[in-house]
PDB file of N, CA and C in Angstrom:
ATOM      1  N   MET A   1     109.559  29.016 -82.898  1.00  0.00           N
ATOM      2  CA  MET A   1     109.243  27.664 -83.302  1.00  0.00           C
ATOM      3  C   MET A   1     109.604  27.520 -84.783  1.00  0.00           C
ATOM      4  N   SER A   2     110.298  26.444 -85.096  1.00  0.00           N
ATOM      5  CA  SER A   2     110.693  26.219 -86.482  1.00  0.00           C
ATOM      6  C   SER A   2     109.470  25.882 -87.338  1.00  0.00           C
ATOM      7  N   ASN A   3     109.617  26.052 -88.640  1.00  0.00           N
ATOM      8  CA  ASN A   3     108.509  25.745 -89.561  1.00  0.00           C
ATOM      9  C   ASN A   3     108.136  24.276 -89.482  1.00  0.00           C
ATOM     10  N   LEU A   4     109.150  23.391 -89.393  1.00  0.00           N
ATOM     11  CA  LEU A   4     108.873  21.963 -89.320  1.00  0.00           C
ATOM     12  C   LEU A   4     108.094  21.637 -88.054  1.00  0.00           C
ATOM     13  N   LEU A   5     108.511  22.199 -86.928  1.00  0.00           N
ATOM     14  CA  LEU A   5     107.812  21.945 -85.675  1.00  0.00           C
ATOM     15  C   LEU A   5     106.377  22.459 -85.740  1.00  0.00           C
ATOM     16  N   LYS A   6     106.170  23.605 -86.349  1.00  0.00           N
ATOM     17  CA  LYS A   6     104.829  24.164 -86.497  1.00  0.00           C
ATOM     18  C   LYS A   6     103.951  23.251 -87.355  1.00  0.00           C
ATOM     19  N   LYS A   7     104.515  22.705 -88.442  1.00  0.00           N
ATOM     20  CA  LYS A   7     103.752  21.793 -89.296  1.00  0.00           C
ATOM     21  C   LYS A   7     103.380  20.524 -88.538  1.00  0.00           C
ATOM     22  N   ILE A   8     104.340  19.993 -87.773  1.00  0.00           N
ATOM     23  CA  ILE A   8     104.072  18.787 -86.987  1.00  0.00           C
ATOM     24  C   ILE A   8     102.980  19.062 -85.967  1.00  0.00           C
ATOM     25  N   GLU A   9     103.088  20.192 -85.272  1.00  0.00           N
ATOM     26  CA  GLU A   9     102.077  20.549 -84.277  1.00  0.00           C
ATOM     27  C   GLU A   9     100.698  20.667 -84.918  1.00  0.00           C
ATOM     28  N   ASP A  10     100.618  21.312 -86.049  1.00  0.00           N
ATOM     29  CA  ASP A  10      99.330  21.460 -86.743  1.00  0.00           C
ATOM     30  C   ASP A  10      98.723  20.100 -87.072  1.00  0.00           C
ATOM     31  N   GLU A  11      99.548  19.168 -87.537  1.00  0.00           N
ATOM     32  CA  GLU A  11      99.065  17.833 -87.890  1.00  0.00           C
ATOM     33  C   GLU A  11      98.656  17.041 -86.646  1.00  0.00           C
ATOM     34  N   VAL A  12      99.451  17.142 -85.600  1.00  0.00           N
ATOM     35  CA  VAL A  12      99.162  16.407 -84.369  1.00  0.00           C
ATOM     36  C   VAL A  12      97.846  16.874 -83.761  1.00  0.00           C
ATOM     37  N   LEU A  13      97.563  18.158 -83.826  1.00  0.00           N
ATOM     38  CA  LEU A  13      96.332  18.684 -83.253  1.00  0.00           C
ATOM     39  C   LEU A  13      95.087  18.220 -84.004  1.00  0.00           C
ATOM     40  N   LYS A  14      95.263  17.639 -85.179  1.00  0.00           N
ATOM     41  CA  LYS A  14      94.143  17.076 -85.921  1.00  0.00           C
ATOM     42  C   LYS A  14      93.793  15.668 -85.442  1.00  0.00           C
ATOM     43  N   LEU A  15      94.677  15.061 -84.652  1.00  0.00           N
ATOM     44  CA  LEU A  15      94.442  13.710 -84.140  1.00  0.00           C
ATOM     45  C   LEU A  15      93.370  13.727 -83.058  1.00  0.00           C
ATOM     46  N   SER A  16      92.806  12.560 -82.795  1.00  0.00           N
ATOM     47  CA  SER A  16      91.828  12.438 -81.704  1.00  0.00           C
ATOM     48  C   SER A  16      92.541  12.612 -80.366  1.00  0.00           C
ATOM     49  N   GLN A  17      91.770  12.821 -79.317  1.00  0.00           N
ATOM     50  CA  GLN A  17      92.356  12.949 -77.973  1.00  0.00           C
ATOM     51  C   GLN A  17      93.157  11.707 -77.610  1.00  0.00           C
ATOM     52  N   GLU A  18      92.616  10.545 -77.925  1.00  0.00           N
ATOM     53  CA  GLU A  18      93.287   9.293 -77.587  1.00  0.00           C
ATOM     54  C   GLU A  18      94.611   9.173 -78.332  1.00  0.00           C
ATOM     55  N   GLU A  19      94.613   9.551 -79.602  1.00  0.00           N
ATOM     56  CA  GLU A  19      95.846   9.486 -80.392  1.00  0.00           C
ATOM     57  C   GLU A  19      96.875  10.484 -79.874  1.00  0.00           C
ATOM     58  N   ARG A  20      96.423  11.686 -79.521  1.00  0.00           N
ATOM     59  CA  ARG A  20      97.355  12.683 -78.976  1.00  0.00           C
ATOM     60  C   ARG A  20      97.918  12.225 -77.642  1.00  0.00           C
ATOM     61  N   ALA A  21      97.076  11.629 -76.799  1.00  0.00           N
ATOM     62  CA  ALA A  21      97.541  11.137 -75.501  1.00  0.00           C
ATOM     63  C   ALA A  21      98.571  10.034 -75.686  1.00  0.00           C
ATOM     64  N   SER A  22      98.316   9.137 -76.625  1.00  0.00           N
ATOM     65  CA  SER A  22      99.255   8.054 -76.894  1.00  0.00           C
ATOM     66  C   SER A  22     100.584   8.612 -77.399  1.00  0.00           C
ATOM     67  N   LEU A  23     100.521   9.579 -78.304  1.00  0.00           N
ATOM     68  CA  LEU A  23     101.733  10.201 -78.826  1.00  0.00           C
ATOM     69  C   LEU A  23     102.494  10.936 -77.721  1.00  0.00           C
ATOM     70  N   ALA A  24     101.757  11.669 -76.882  1.00  0.00           N
ATOM     71  CA  ALA A  24     102.395  12.392 -75.782  1.00  0.00           C
ATOM     72  C   ALA A  24     103.101  11.419 -74.841  1.00  0.00           C
ATOM     73  N   ASP A  25     102.443  10.305 -74.540  1.00  0.00           N
ATOM     74  CA  ASP A  25     103.045   9.295 -73.676  1.00  0.00           C
ATOM     75  C   ASP A  25     104.317   8.742 -74.305  1.00  0.00           C
ATOM     76  N   HIS A  26     104.252   8.457 -75.593  1.00  0.00           N
ATOM     77  CA  HIS A  26     105.419   7.926 -76.296  1.00  0.00           C
ATOM     78  C   HIS A  26     106.563   8.935 -76.296  1.00  0.00           C
ATOM     79  N   LEU A  27     106.260  10.197 -76.564  1.00  0.00           N
ATOM     80  CA  LEU A  27     107.297  11.230 -76.578  1.00  0.00           C
ATOM     81  C   LEU A  27     107.915  11.429 -75.199  1.00  0.00           C
ATOM     82  N   LEU A  28     107.070  11.459 -74.162  1.00  0.00           N
ATOM     83  CA  LEU A  28     107.604  11.610 -72.810  1.00  0.00           C
ATOM     84  C   LEU A  28     108.476  10.429 -72.427  1.00  0.00           C
ATOM     85  N   SER A  29     108.078   9.240 -72.844  1.00  0.00           N
ATOM     86  CA  SER A  29     108.863   8.041 -72.537  1.00  0.00           C
ATOM     87  C   SER A  29     110.216   8.062 -73.228  1.00  0.00           C
ATOM     88  N   SER A  30     110.322   8.798 -74.326  1.00  0.00           N
ATOM     89  CA  SER A  30     111.577   8.849 -75.062  1.00  0.00           C
ATOM     90  C   SER A  30     112.589   9.810 -74.446  1.00  0.00           C
ATOM     91  N   LEU A  31     112.151  10.610 -73.482  1.00  0.00           N
ATOM     92  CA  LEU A  31     113.054  11.581 -72.864  1.00  0.00           C
ATOM     93  C   LEU A  31     113.960  10.907 -71.849  1.00  0.00           C
ATOM     94  N   ASP A  32     115.076  11.528 -71.629  1.00  0.00           N
ATOM     95  CA  ASP A  32     116.040  11.060 -70.647  1.00  0.00           C
ATOM     96  C   ASP A  32     115.384  11.069 -69.268  1.00  0.00           C
ATOM     97  N   GLU A  33     115.522   9.975 -68.534  1.00  0.00           N
ATOM     98  CA  GLU A  33     114.880   9.865 -67.217  1.00  0.00           C
ATOM     99  C   GLU A  33     115.331  10.974 -66.276  1.00  0.00           C
ATOM    100  N   GLU A  34     116.582  11.392 -66.377  1.00  0.00           N
ATOM    101  CA  GLU A  34     117.078  12.467 -65.510  1.00  0.00           C
ATOM    102  C   GLU A  34     116.328  13.766 -65.781  1.00  0.00           C
ATOM    103  N   LEU A  35     116.032  14.040 -67.039  1.00  0.00           N
ATOM    104  CA  LEU A  35     115.262  15.235 -67.400  1.00  0.00           C
ATOM    105  C   LEU A  35     113.866  15.163 -66.806  1.00  0.00           C
ATOM    106  N   LEU A  36     113.243  13.985 -66.875  1.00  0.00           N
ATOM    107  CA  LEU A  36     111.898  13.820 -66.320  1.00  0.00           C
ATOM    108  C   LEU A  36     111.893  14.029 -64.816  1.00  0.00           C
ATOM    109  N   VAL A  37     112.931  13.561 -64.136  1.00  0.00           N
ATOM    110  CA  VAL A  37     113.033  13.753 -62.686  1.00  0.00           C
ATOM    111  C   VAL A  37     113.120  15.244 -62.383  1.00  0.00           C
ATOM    112  N   ASP A  38     113.896  15.985 -63.177  1.00  0.00           N
ATOM    113  CA  ASP A  38     114.011  17.433 -62.989  1.00  0.00           C
ATOM    114  C   ASP A  38     112.669  18.123 -63.203  1.00  0.00           C
ATOM    115  N   VAL A  39     111.938  17.708 -64.217  1.00  0.00           N
ATOM    116  CA  VAL A  39     110.619  18.298 -64.501  1.00  0.00           C
ATOM    117  C   VAL A  39     109.659  17.985 -63.365  1.00  0.00           C
ATOM    118  N   ASP A  40     109.656  16.727 -62.927  1.00  0.00           N
ATOM    119  CA  ASP A  40     108.787  16.346 -61.807  1.00  0.00           C
ATOM    120  C   ASP A  40     109.116  17.157 -60.561  1.00  0.00           C
ATOM    121  N   ALA A  41     110.390  17.312 -60.278  1.00  0.00           N
ATOM    122  CA  ALA A  41     110.812  18.076 -59.095  1.00  0.00           C
ATOM    123  C   ALA A  41     110.358  19.531 -59.203  1.00  0.00           C
ATOM    124  N   ALA A  42     110.442  20.100 -60.393  1.00  0.00           N
ATOM    125  CA  ALA A  42     110.007  21.484 -60.582  1.00  0.00           C
ATOM    126  C   ALA A  42     108.505  21.617 -60.361  1.00  0.00           C
ATOM    127  N   TRP A  43     107.719  20.657 -60.866  1.00  0.00           N
ATOM    128  CA  TRP A  43     106.264  20.709 -60.670  1.00  0.00           C
ATOM    129  C   TRP A  43     105.909  20.526 -59.198  1.00  0.00           C
ATOM    130  N   ILE A  44     106.596  19.640 -58.520  1.00  0.00           N
ATOM    131  CA  ILE A  44     106.339  19.431 -57.090  1.00  0.00           C
ATOM    132  C   ILE A  44     106.639  20.708 -56.311  1.00  0.00           C
ATOM    133  N   ALA A  45     107.772  21.343 -56.614  1.00  0.00           N
ATOM    134  CA  ALA A  45     108.131  22.594 -55.933  1.00  0.00           C
ATOM    135  C   ALA A  45     107.084  23.671 -56.201  1.00  0.00           C
ATOM    136  N   GLU A  46     106.619  23.759 -57.441  1.00  0.00           N
ATOM    137  CA  GLU A  46     105.583  24.747 -57.787  1.00  0.00           C
ATOM    138  C   GLU A  46     104.288  24.478 -57.029  1.00  0.00           C
ATOM    139  N   ALA A  47     103.883  23.207 -56.980  1.00  0.00           N
ATOM    140  CA  ALA A  47     102.652  22.842 -56.271  1.00  0.00           C
ATOM    141  C   ALA A  47     102.773  23.165 -54.790  1.00  0.00           C
ATOM    142  N   GLU A  48     103.916  22.852 -54.204  1.00  0.00           N
ATOM    143  CA  GLU A  48     104.113  23.138 -52.777  1.00  0.00           C
ATOM    144  C   GLU A  48     104.089  24.638 -52.511  1.00  0.00           C
ATOM    145  N   GLN A  49     104.696  25.415 -53.401  1.00  0.00           N
ATOM    146  CA  GLN A  49     104.705  26.868 -53.245  1.00  0.00           C
ATOM    147  C   GLN A  49     103.287  27.435 -53.336  1.00  0.00           C
ATOM    148  N   ARG A  50     102.514  26.935 -54.294  1.00  0.00           N
ATOM    149  CA  ARG A  50     101.138  27.411 -54.447  1.00  0.00           C
ATOM    150  C   ARG A  50     100.287  27.024 -53.240  1.00  0.00           C
ATOM    151  N   TYR A  51     100.472  25.803 -52.759  1.00  0.00           N
ATOM    152  CA  TYR A  51      99.700  25.351 -51.601  1.00  0.00           C
ATOM    153  C   TYR A  51     100.053  26.172 -50.367  1.00  0.00           C
ATOM    154  N   GLN A  52     101.335  26.452 -50.191  1.00  0.00           N
ATOM    155  CA  GLN A  52     101.744  27.271 -49.046  1.00  0.00           C
ATOM    156  C   GLN A  52     101.143  28.671 -49.160  1.00  0.00           C
ATOM    157  N   GLY A  53     101.122  29.227 -50.352  1.00  0.00           N
ATOM    158  CA  GLY A  53     100.498  30.532 -50.570  1.00  0.00           C
ATOM    159  C   GLY A  53      99.026  30.501 -50.229  1.00  0.00           C
ATOM    160  N   TYR A  54      98.350  29.405 -50.577  1.00  0.00           N
ATOM    161  CA  TYR A  54      96.933  29.235 -50.238  1.00  0.00           C
ATOM    162  C   TYR A  54      96.756  29.162 -48.722  1.00  0.00           C
ATOM    163  N   LYS A  55      97.589  28.341 -48.059  1.00  0.00           N
ATOM    164  CA  LYS A  55      97.480  28.201 -46.597  1.00  0.00           C
ATOM    165  C   LYS A  55      97.762  29.515 -45.894  1.00  0.00           C
ATOM    166  N   ASP A  56      98.680  30.312 -46.438  1.00  0.00           N
ATOM    167  CA  ASP A  56      99.028  31.601 -45.831  1.00  0.00           C
ATOM    168  C   ASP A  56      98.003  32.688 -46.141  1.00  0.00           C
ATOM    169  N   GLY A  57      97.029  32.366 -46.990  1.00  0.00           N
ATOM    170  CA  GLY A  57      96.005  33.345 -47.344  1.00  0.00           C
ATOM    171  C   GLY A  57      96.417  34.284 -48.464  1.00  0.00           C
ATOM    172  N   ASN A  58      97.518  33.984 -49.143  1.00  0.00           N
ATOM    173  CA  ASN A  58      97.995  34.839 -50.235  1.00  0.00           C
ATOM    174  C   ASN A  58      97.455  34.429 -51.600  1.00  0.00           C
ATOM    175  N   ARG A  59      96.849  33.254 -51.682  1.00  0.00           N
ATOM    176  CA  ARG A  59      96.267  32.756 -52.940  1.00  0.00           C
ATOM    177  C   ARG A  59      94.831  32.340 -52.647  1.00  0.00           C
ATOM    178  N   PRO A  60      93.888  32.856 -53.404  1.00  0.00           N
ATOM    179  CA  PRO A  60      92.501  32.452 -53.165  1.00  0.00           C
ATOM    180  C   PRO A  60      92.254  31.040 -53.682  1.00  0.00           C
ATOM    181  N   GLY A  61      91.332  30.352 -53.060  1.00  0.00           N
ATOM    182  CA  GLY A  61      90.916  29.053 -53.564  1.00  0.00           C
ATOM    183  C   GLY A  61      90.019  29.235 -54.776  1.00  0.00           C
ATOM    184  N   ILE A  62      89.956  28.235 -55.611  1.00  0.00           N
ATOM    185  CA  ILE A  62      89.091  28.269 -56.789  1.00  0.00           C
ATOM    186  C   ILE A  62      88.125  27.090 -56.679  1.00  0.00           C
ATOM    187  N   PRO A  63      86.826  27.350 -56.738  1.00  0.00           N
ATOM    188  CA  PRO A  63      85.858  26.253 -56.643  1.00  0.00           C
ATOM    189  C   PRO A  63      86.110  25.193 -57.719  1.00  0.00           C
ATOM    190  N   ALA A  64      85.937  23.938 -57.341  1.00  0.00           N
ATOM    191  CA  ALA A  64      86.188  22.821 -58.256  1.00  0.00           C
ATOM    192  C   ALA A  64      85.377  22.958 -59.541  1.00  0.00           C
ATOM    193  N   GLU A  65      84.143  23.453 -59.437  1.00  0.00           N
ATOM    194  CA  GLU A  65      83.299  23.598 -60.616  1.00  0.00           C
ATOM    195  C   GLU A  65      83.961  24.504 -61.649  1.00  0.00           C
ATOM    196  N   GLU A  66      84.585  25.578 -61.185  1.00  0.00           N
ATOM    197  CA  GLU A  66      85.276  26.501 -62.096  1.00  0.00           C
ATOM    198  C   GLU A  66      86.493  25.829 -62.718  1.00  0.00           C
ATOM    199  N   VAL A  67      87.236  25.098 -61.922  1.00  0.00           N
ATOM    200  CA  VAL A  67      88.425  24.415 -62.421  1.00  0.00           C
ATOM    201  C   VAL A  67      88.042  23.414 -63.507  1.00  0.00           C
ATOM    202  N   PHE A  68      87.023  22.581 -63.228  1.00  0.00           N
ATOM    203  CA  PHE A  68      86.619  21.560 -64.206  1.00  0.00           C
ATOM    204  C   PHE A  68      86.010  22.189 -65.448  1.00  0.00           C
ATOM    205  N   ALA A  69      85.280  23.276 -65.289  1.00  0.00           N
ATOM    206  CA  ALA A  69      84.690  23.960 -66.449  1.00  0.00           C
ATOM    207  C   ALA A  69      85.803  24.511 -67.344  1.00  0.00           C
ATOM    208  N   GLU A  70      86.810  25.093 -66.737  1.00  0.00           N
ATOM    209  CA  GLU A  70      87.933  25.630 -67.512  1.00  0.00           C
ATOM    210  C   GLU A  70      88.707  24.506 -68.183  1.00  0.00           C
ATOM    211  N   ALA A  71      88.912  23.409 -67.479  1.00  0.00           N
ATOM    212  CA  ALA A  71      89.617  22.259 -68.065  1.00  0.00           C
ATOM    213  C   ALA A  71      88.833  21.685 -69.240  1.00  0.00           C
ATOM    214  N   SER A  72      87.529  21.651 -69.133  1.00  0.00           N
ATOM    215  CA  SER A  72      86.698  21.135 -70.225  1.00  0.00           C
ATOM    216  C   SER A  72      86.826  21.982 -71.483  1.00  0.00           C
ATOM    217  N   LYS A  73      86.990  23.283 -71.297  1.00  0.00           N
ATOM    218  CA  LYS A  73      87.150  24.183 -72.448  1.00  0.00           C
ATOM    219  C   LYS A  73      88.448  23.896 -73.193  1.00  0.00           C
ATOM    220  N   LEU A  74      89.456  23.419 -72.495  1.00  0.00           N
ATOM    221  CA  LEU A  74      90.758  23.176 -73.098  1.00  0.00           C
ATOM    222  C   LEU A  74      90.835  21.863 -73.856  1.00  0.00           C
ATOM    223  N   CYS A  75      89.902  20.982 -73.615  1.00  0.00           N
ATOM    224  CA  CYS A  75      89.943  19.659 -74.272  1.00  0.00           C
ATOM    225  C   CYS A  75      89.188  19.628 -75.555  1.00  0.00           C
TER     226      CYS A  75
END
């Protein structure tokens, strides 16, 4: 990561959640639509692969309480 990018990241992380969400939305909107389609397709493929692994018994389920508790720690 470049020094400039690191400085920007440090400053952005000082913003409120709402400000960061607004900035993230603006940045994502500025990307080429074709790139976004590729990213969406990759996430869909990943989700389908994980779900198939769960259905096949190769991935354990995680209780919703654990998922939400972990997500809360990240915010």
